[in-house]
Amino acid sequence: MLLTVDMGNTNITIGAFEEDELKFTARLSTIRGKTVDQYALEFNQVFKLNKVRASDFSAGILSSVVPELTDVIMQTIANLTGTPAMLIGPGIKTGVNILIDNPAQLGADLLVGAVAAIEKYPLPCLVVDLGTASKISVIGKDNSYQGGMIAPGVGVSLNALSSSASQLPVVSLCAPKKAIGKNTVDCMQSGIVFGNAAMVDGMVQRFKEELGEVASVVATGGYSNSIIEHCKEDIIHDDALLLYGLKAIYNKNKDRIQN
């Protein structure tokens, strides 16, 4: 099996592929300062819960936007699979033509999402990634990454609101019954849930106006499930999008790596 790992600033998403079948997915918290042994214990707990063993994996691939933990997770994967992990970065073949001002600035997560969109959805495609940051990427018909937008994420916004305003409480990420709140909690939840949904709808509409044609819009990321259901645009929810992108990139590079 192939172990796919996408490490973001908030969560580490794990997936296991047997050929083309995704056997399971899991999420761990991204905690800086943890050791290889500590992460190995957590990974093994995930494997046990899903009735697989570390020895079932023959290879692994990592996408990371947390540089201070990249080596730790690379070593964790290598220890578990018995072989060096593949890392998304320079020298890795993706098939994506990056058409931004400085291609080296494109985050590994955005690149992996683009690869997955090319593999799975009609182009042009908009990829909405709602994680620590809220991002929308434009993937062109010619398999190109054309650009996008980045905004403060759902959790970041909610935490900043509660911590910066003394009289505002900490609230859960739930949608209120109506957009017009009648109390502080409902007002905050309306702003976070419906406000972020409206932001996604509005940005998708603006992108469509600039592009002239969009064949598909797909959403992923830890907060996507809470927000996308309240959007008015037709958006496909694909929680495992980046894991499929990692598998596709591994398949494009495995022969060269093995040789």
Foldseek 3Di string as FASTA:
>chain_A
DEWEWEADQFWIKIWDDDPNDTQDIDIDGDDPPDALVVVLVVVQVVCVVSVHALCVHQAYEYFYPDVNCPVSVQVNNCVSNVHGYHYPAPPFDQQEAEADPDVNPDGSLVSLLLSLCVVPHAPQEWEFAAAQWTWIWTQHNNRYTHDTDIGGHLVRVQVCVQVVDPPQHRADQAADPDLDDPDRRNVSNSCSQVVVLVVVQVRVVVVCVVVVDGRAYEYEYDCCVSHPVNHPDDYHYDHCSSVSSRVSSCVVCVVVVVD
